[in-house]
Amino acid sequence: MKLPRAKLIYNQPDDQTLRNMLEKADTENHKKNRDVDISPGRLIIKSPDGTRWSIEVDNSGNVSASSL
């Protein structure tokens, strides 16, 4: 995240803009000790040799991996 530079003089609208940016960024982060719902999107993991894999599940609950 790239935040704007701090102002030398306090300005309430600038402070509110910063707070809005922080709250928006916070909603996009995964939290510890909570369920992780990855949709829309994909779960991508990397194997020790550096290959990236997309993990998917079908409507029957079958899990598969495909290389990217």
PDB file of N, CA and C in Angstrom:
ATOM      1  N   MET A   1       0.851  -1.165   0.000  1.00  0.00           N
ATOM      2  CA  MET A   1       0.000   0.000   0.000  1.00  0.00           C
ATOM      3  C   MET A   1       0.897   1.228   0.000  1.00  0.00           C
ATOM      4  N   LYS A   2       0.543   2.194  -0.798  1.00  0.00           N
ATOM      5  CA  LYS A   2       1.293   3.444  -0.867  1.00  0.00           C
ATOM      6  C   LYS A   2       0.425   4.541  -0.258  1.00  0.00           C
ATOM      7  N   LEU A   3       0.844   5.054   0.898  1.00  0.00           N
ATOM      8  CA  LEU A   3       0.088   6.108   1.576  1.00  0.00           C
ATOM      9  C   LEU A   3       0.615   7.474   1.162  1.00  0.00           C
ATOM     10  N   PRO A   4      -0.257   8.481   1.196  1.00  0.00           N
ATOM     11  CA  PRO A   4       0.213   9.833   0.866  1.00  0.00           C
ATOM     12  C   PRO A   4       1.176  10.336   1.940  1.00  0.00           C
ATOM     13  N   ARG A   5       2.012  11.278   1.558  1.00  0.00           N
ATOM     14  CA  ARG A   5       2.961  11.866   2.505  1.00  0.00           C
ATOM     15  C   ARG A   5       2.207  12.631   3.591  1.00  0.00           C
ATOM     16  N   ALA A   6       2.773  12.670   4.774  1.00  0.00           N
ATOM     17  CA  ALA A   6       2.145  13.375   5.893  1.00  0.00           C
ATOM     18  C   ALA A   6       2.172  14.885   5.641  1.00  0.00           C
ATOM     19  N   LYS A   7       1.099  15.537   6.014  1.00  0.00           N
ATOM     20  CA  LYS A   7       1.013  16.998   5.897  1.00  0.00           C
ATOM     21  C   LYS A   7       1.683  17.637   7.107  1.00  0.00           C
ATOM     22  N   LEU A   8       2.239  18.800   6.921  1.00  0.00           N
ATOM     23  CA  LEU A   8       2.862  19.511   8.035  1.00  0.00           C
ATOM     24  C   LEU A   8       1.815  20.059   8.994  1.00  0.00           C
ATOM     25  N   ILE A   9       0.638  20.372   8.469  1.00  0.00           N
ATOM     26  CA  ILE A   9      -0.448  20.913   9.288  1.00  0.00           C
ATOM     27  C   ILE A   9      -1.624  19.938   9.200  1.00  0.00           C
ATOM     28  N   TYR A  10      -2.235  19.652  10.351  1.00  0.00           N
ATOM     29  CA  TYR A  10      -3.373  18.737  10.384  1.00  0.00           C
ATOM     30  C   TYR A  10      -4.505  19.270   9.519  1.00  0.00           C
ATOM     31  N   ASN A  11      -5.078  18.350   8.730  1.00  0.00           N
ATOM     32  CA  ASN A  11      -6.199  18.710   7.866  1.00  0.00           C
ATOM     33  C   ASN A  11      -7.202  17.567   7.951  1.00  0.00           C
ATOM     34  N   GLN A  12      -8.402  17.845   8.458  1.00  0.00           N
ATOM     35  CA  GLN A  12      -9.387  16.785   8.696  1.00  0.00           C
ATOM     36  C   GLN A  12      -9.762  16.024   7.425  1.00  0.00           C
ATOM     37  N   PRO A  13     -10.022  16.677   6.291  1.00  0.00           N
ATOM     38  CA  PRO A  13     -10.350  15.891   5.085  1.00  0.00           C
ATOM     39  C   PRO A  13      -9.203  14.958   4.659  1.00  0.00           C
ATOM     40  N   ASP A  14      -7.954  15.417   4.774  1.00  0.00           N
ATOM     41  CA  ASP A  14      -6.823  14.550   4.443  1.00  0.00           C
ATOM     42  C   ASP A  14      -6.749  13.364   5.396  1.00  0.00           C
ATOM     43  N   ASP A  15      -6.990  13.613   6.680  1.00  0.00           N
ATOM     44  CA  ASP A  15      -6.977  12.546   7.672  1.00  0.00           C
ATOM     45  C   ASP A  15      -8.082  11.536   7.370  1.00  0.00           C
ATOM     46  N   GLN A  16      -9.248  12.007   6.977  1.00  0.00           N
ATOM     47  CA  GLN A  16     -10.355  11.093   6.659  1.00  0.00           C
ATOM     48  C   GLN A  16     -10.031  10.272   5.419  1.00  0.00           C
ATOM     49  N   THR A  17      -9.400  10.879   4.440  1.00  0.00           N
ATOM     50  CA  THR A  17      -8.992  10.141   3.241  1.00  0.00           C
ATOM     51  C   THR A  17      -8.027   9.027   3.616  1.00  0.00           C
ATOM     52  N   LEU A  18      -7.065   9.328   4.475  1.00  0.00           N
ATOM     53  CA  LEU A  18      -6.115   8.319   4.930  1.00  0.00           C
ATOM     54  C   LEU A  18      -6.832   7.193   5.663  1.00  0.00           C
ATOM     55  N   ARG A  19      -7.747   7.540   6.551  1.00  0.00           N
ATOM     56  CA  ARG A  19      -8.495   6.518   7.293  1.00  0.00           C
ATOM     57  C   ARG A  19      -9.299   5.630   6.338  1.00  0.00           C
ATOM     58  N   ASN A  20      -9.907   6.231   5.328  1.00  0.00           N
ATOM     59  CA  ASN A  20     -10.675   5.448   4.347  1.00  0.00           C
ATOM     60  C   ASN A  20      -9.765   4.487   3.587  1.00  0.00           C
ATOM     61  N   MET A  21      -8.569   4.947   3.225  1.00  0.00           N
ATOM     62  CA  MET A  21      -7.619   4.089   2.521  1.00  0.00           C
ATOM     63  C   MET A  21      -7.204   2.906   3.396  1.00  0.00           C
ATOM     64  N   LEU A  22      -6.931   3.168   4.671  1.00  0.00           N
ATOM     65  CA  LEU A  22      -6.530   2.107   5.587  1.00  0.00           C
ATOM     66  C   LEU A  22      -7.656   1.099   5.801  1.00  0.00           C
ATOM     67  N   GLU A  23      -8.879   1.578   5.967  1.00  0.00           N
ATOM     68  CA  GLU A  23     -10.014   0.672   6.164  1.00  0.00           C
ATOM     69  C   GLU A  23     -10.242  -0.187   4.931  1.00  0.00           C
ATOM     70  N   LYS A  24     -10.128   0.387   3.743  1.00  0.00           N
ATOM     71  CA  LYS A  24     -10.309  -0.376   2.510  1.00  0.00           C
ATOM     72  C   LYS A  24      -9.232  -1.447   2.392  1.00  0.00           C
ATOM     73  N   ALA A  25      -7.984  -1.090   2.646  1.00  0.00           N
ATOM     74  CA  ALA A  25      -6.896  -2.063   2.577  1.00  0.00           C
ATOM     75  C   ALA A  25      -7.091  -3.169   3.606  1.00  0.00           C
ATOM     76  N   ASP A  26      -7.575  -2.829   4.785  1.00  0.00           N
ATOM     77  CA  ASP A  26      -7.786  -3.812   5.842  1.00  0.00           C
ATOM     78  C   ASP A  26      -8.838  -4.837   5.436  1.00  0.00           C
ATOM     79  N   THR A  27      -9.871  -4.426   4.719  1.00  0.00           N
ATOM     80  CA  THR A  27     -10.916  -5.374   4.306  1.00  0.00           C
ATOM     81  C   THR A  27     -10.396  -6.379   3.288  1.00  0.00           C
ATOM     82  N   GLU A  28      -9.290  -6.056   2.610  1.00  0.00           N
ATOM     83  CA  GLU A  28      -8.741  -6.946   1.583  1.00  0.00           C
ATOM     84  C   GLU A  28      -7.729  -7.937   2.151  1.00  0.00           C
ATOM     85  N   ASN A  29      -7.424  -7.858   3.443  1.00  0.00           N
ATOM     86  CA  ASN A  29      -6.458  -8.748   4.073  1.00  0.00           C
ATOM     87  C   ASN A  29      -7.138  -9.943   4.712  1.00  0.00           C
ATOM     88  N   HIS A  30      -6.448 -11.088   4.708  1.00  0.00           N
ATOM     89  CA  HIS A  30      -6.932 -12.262   5.422  1.00  0.00           C
ATOM     90  C   HIS A  30      -6.515 -12.118   6.879  1.00  0.00           C
ATOM     91  N   LYS A  31      -7.371 -12.551   7.776  1.00  0.00           N
ATOM     92  CA  LYS A  31      -7.130 -12.411   9.210  1.00  0.00           C
ATOM     93  C   LYS A  31      -6.777 -13.752   9.841  1.00  0.00           C
ATOM     94  N   LYS A  32      -5.948 -13.724  10.866  1.00  0.00           N
ATOM     95  CA  LYS A  32      -5.625 -14.929  11.625  1.00  0.00           C
ATOM     96  C   LYS A  32      -6.863 -15.412  12.366  1.00  0.00           C
ATOM     97  N   ASN A  33      -6.933 -16.717  12.566  1.00  0.00           N
ATOM     98  CA  ASN A  33      -8.000 -17.353  13.352  1.00  0.00           C
ATOM     99  C   ASN A  33      -9.391 -17.106  12.793  1.00  0.00           C
ATOM    100  N   ARG A  34      -9.479 -16.922  11.483  1.00  0.00           N
ATOM    101  CA  ARG A  34     -10.779 -16.755  10.819  1.00  0.00           C
ATOM    102  C   ARG A  34     -10.791 -17.609   9.564  1.00  0.00           C
ATOM    103  N   ASP A  35     -11.984 -18.001   9.142  1.00  0.00           N
ATOM    104  CA  ASP A  35     -12.112 -18.733   7.888  1.00  0.00           C
ATOM    105  C   ASP A  35     -11.614 -17.858   6.741  1.00  0.00           C
ATOM    106  N   VAL A  36     -11.063 -18.503   5.729  1.00  0.00           N
ATOM    107  CA  VAL A  36     -10.586 -17.787   4.547  1.00  0.00           C
ATOM    108  C   VAL A  36     -11.461 -18.190   3.369  1.00  0.00           C
ATOM    109  N   ASP A  37     -12.174 -17.242   2.801  1.00  0.00           N
ATOM    110  CA  ASP A  37     -13.027 -17.480   1.645  1.00  0.00           C
ATOM    111  C   ASP A  37     -12.324 -16.880   0.434  1.00  0.00           C
ATOM    112  N   ILE A  38     -11.909 -17.750  -0.482  1.00  0.00           N
ATOM    113  CA  ILE A  38     -11.169 -17.280  -1.648  1.00  0.00           C
ATOM    114  C   ILE A  38     -12.090 -17.346  -2.861  1.00  0.00           C
ATOM    115  N   SER A  39     -12.972 -16.399  -2.952  1.00  0.00           N
ATOM    116  CA  SER A  39     -13.807 -16.289  -4.138  1.00  0.00           C
ATOM    117  C   SER A  39     -14.345 -14.869  -4.187  1.00  0.00           C
ATOM    118  N   PRO A  40     -14.311 -14.195  -5.285  1.00  0.00           N
ATOM    119  CA  PRO A  40     -13.686 -14.733  -6.501  1.00  0.00           C
ATOM    120  C   PRO A  40     -12.180 -14.728  -6.351  1.00  0.00           C
ATOM    121  N   GLY A  41     -11.535 -15.532  -7.078  1.00  0.00           N
ATOM    122  CA  GLY A  41     -10.083 -15.630  -7.025  1.00  0.00           C
ATOM    123  C   GLY A  41      -9.658 -17.073  -7.008  1.00  0.00           C
ATOM    124  N   ARG A  42      -8.357 -17.286  -6.918  1.00  0.00           N
ATOM    125  CA  ARG A  42      -7.807 -18.638  -6.930  1.00  0.00           C
ATOM    126  C   ARG A  42      -6.834 -18.803  -5.778  1.00  0.00           C
ATOM    127  N   LEU A  43      -6.666 -20.054  -5.363  1.00  0.00           N
ATOM    128  CA  LEU A  43      -5.626 -20.397  -4.404  1.00  0.00           C
ATOM    129  C   LEU A  43      -4.431 -20.864  -5.224  1.00  0.00           C
ATOM    130  N   ILE A  44      -3.341 -20.123  -5.168  1.00  0.00           N
ATOM    131  CA  ILE A  44      -2.139 -20.470  -5.916  1.00  0.00           C
ATOM    132  C   ILE A  44      -1.024 -20.720  -4.913  1.00  0.00           C
ATOM    133  N   ILE A  45      -0.393 -21.884  -5.047  1.00  0.00           N
ATOM    134  CA  ILE A  45       0.708 -22.239  -4.159  1.00  0.00           C
ATOM    135  C   ILE A  45       1.924 -22.589  -5.008  1.00  0.00           C
ATOM    136  N   LYS A  46       3.097 -22.520  -4.382  1.00  0.00           N
ATOM    137  CA  LYS A  46       4.346 -22.795  -5.093  1.00  0.00           C
ATOM    138  C   LYS A  46       5.020 -24.019  -4.488  1.00  0.00           C
ATOM    139  N   SER A  47       5.441 -24.943  -5.351  1.00  0.00           N
ATOM    140  CA  SER A  47       6.156 -26.134  -4.893  1.00  0.00           C
ATOM    141  C   SER A  47       7.629 -25.796  -4.672  1.00  0.00           C
ATOM    142  N   PRO A  48       8.369 -26.689  -3.995  1.00  0.00           N
ATOM    143  CA  PRO A  48       9.783 -26.403  -3.709  1.00  0.00           C
ATOM    144  C   PRO A  48      10.622 -26.109  -4.954  1.00  0.00           C
ATOM    145  N   ASP A  49      10.236 -26.689  -6.120  1.00  0.00           N
ATOM    146  CA  ASP A  49      11.023 -26.432  -7.332  1.00  0.00           C
ATOM    147  C   ASP A  49      10.627 -25.127  -8.026  1.00  0.00           C
ATOM    148  N   GLY A  50       9.682 -24.392  -7.427  1.00  0.00           N
ATOM    149  CA  GLY A  50       9.286 -23.097  -7.979  1.00  0.00           C
ATOM    150  C   GLY A  50       8.063 -23.137  -8.876  1.00  0.00           C
ATOM    151  N   THR A  51       7.534 -24.329  -9.156  1.00  0.00           N
ATOM    152  CA  THR A  51       6.330 -24.432  -9.984  1.00  0.00           C
ATOM    153  C   THR A  51       5.140 -23.865  -9.225  1.00  0.00           C
ATOM    154  N   ARG A  52       4.340 -23.062  -9.890  1.00  0.00           N
ATOM    155  CA  ARG A  52       3.132 -22.498  -9.282  1.00  0.00           C
ATOM    156  C   ARG A  52       1.938 -23.360  -9.662  1.00  0.00           C
ATOM    157  N   TRP A  53       1.082 -23.653  -8.689  1.00  0.00           N
ATOM    158  CA  TRP A  53      -0.074 -24.522  -8.876  1.00  0.00           C
ATOM    159  C   TRP A  53      -1.355 -23.802  -8.477  1.00  0.00           C
ATOM    160  N   SER A  54      -2.383 -23.977  -9.268  1.00  0.00           N
ATOM    161  CA  SER A  54      -3.710 -23.465  -8.947  1.00  0.00           C
ATOM    162  C   SER A  54      -4.521 -24.620  -8.364  1.00  0.00           C
ATOM    163  N   ILE A  55      -5.060 -24.434  -7.174  1.00  0.00           N
ATOM    164  CA  ILE A  55      -5.856 -25.463  -6.503  1.00  0.00           C
ATOM    165  C   ILE A  55      -7.328 -25.142  -6.738  1.00  0.00           C
ATOM    166  N   GLU A  56      -8.057 -26.143  -7.212  1.00  0.00           N
ATOM    167  CA  GLU A  56      -9.474 -25.945  -7.534  1.00  0.00           C
ATOM    168  C   GLU A  56     -10.300 -27.071  -6.932  1.00  0.00           C
ATOM    169  N   VAL A  57     -11.585 -26.819  -6.780  1.00  0.00           N
ATOM    170  CA  VAL A  57     -12.507 -27.837  -6.286  1.00  0.00           C
ATOM    171  C   VAL A  57     -13.745 -27.813  -7.189  1.00  0.00           C
ATOM    172  N   ASP A  58     -14.267 -29.006  -7.523  1.00  0.00           N
ATOM    173  CA  ASP A  58     -15.471 -29.063  -8.360  1.00  0.00           C
ATOM    174  C   ASP A  58     -16.709 -29.144  -7.461  1.00  0.00           C
ATOM    175  N   ASN A  59     -17.864 -29.222  -8.082  1.00  0.00           N
ATOM    176  CA  ASN A  59     -19.129 -29.216  -7.328  1.00  0.00           C
ATOM    177  C   ASN A  59     -19.319 -30.460  -6.462  1.00  0.00           C
ATOM    178  N   SER A  60     -18.538 -31.512  -6.709  1.00  0.00           N
ATOM    179  CA  SER A  60     -18.617 -32.717  -5.889  1.00  0.00           C
ATOM    180  C   SER A  60     -17.613 -32.715  -4.741  1.00  0.00           C
ATOM    181  N   GLY A  61     -16.781 -31.671  -4.674  1.00  0.00           N
ATOM    182  CA  GLY A  61     -15.786 -31.564  -3.609  1.00  0.00           C
ATOM    183  C   GLY A  61     -14.447 -32.171  -3.984  1.00  0.00           C
ATOM    184  N   ASN A  62     -14.290 -32.603  -5.231  1.00  0.00           N
ATOM    185  CA  ASN A  62     -13.008 -33.147  -5.680  1.00  0.00           C
ATOM    186  C   ASN A  62     -12.007 -32.021  -5.870  1.00  0.00           C
ATOM    187  N   VAL A  63     -10.845 -32.190  -5.270  1.00  0.00           N
ATOM    188  CA  VAL A  63      -9.787 -31.175  -5.335  1.00  0.00           C
ATOM    189  C   VAL A  63      -8.784 -31.556  -6.414  1.00  0.00           C
ATOM    190  N   SER A  64      -8.387 -30.556  -7.196  1.00  0.00           N
ATOM    191  CA  SER A  64      -7.380 -30.806  -8.234  1.00  0.00           C
ATOM    192  C   SER A  64      -6.390 -29.658  -8.256  1.00  0.00           C
ATOM    193  N   ALA A  65      -5.235 -29.933  -8.844  1.00  0.00           N
ATOM    194  CA  ALA A  65      -4.198 -28.922  -8.985  1.00  0.00           C
ATOM    195  C   ALA A  65      -3.752 -28.889 -10.434  1.00  0.00           C
ATOM    196  N   SER A  66      -3.554 -27.694 -10.952  1.00  0.00           N
ATOM    197  CA  SER A  66      -3.032 -27.558 -12.317  1.00  0.00           C
ATOM    198  C   SER A  66      -1.901 -26.553 -12.292  1.00  0.00           C
ATOM    199  N   SER A  67      -0.853 -26.867 -13.055  1.00  0.00           N
ATOM    200  CA  SER A  67       0.308 -25.978 -13.064  1.00  0.00           C
ATOM    201  C   SER A  67      -0.013 -24.705 -13.853  1.00  0.00           C
ATOM    202  N   LEU A  68       0.637 -23.649 -13.453  1.00  0.00           N
ATOM    203  CA  LEU A  68       0.406 -22.358 -14.128  1.00  0.00           C
ATOM    204  C   LEU A  68       1.561 -22.010 -15.040  1.00  0.00           C
TER     205      LEU A  68
END
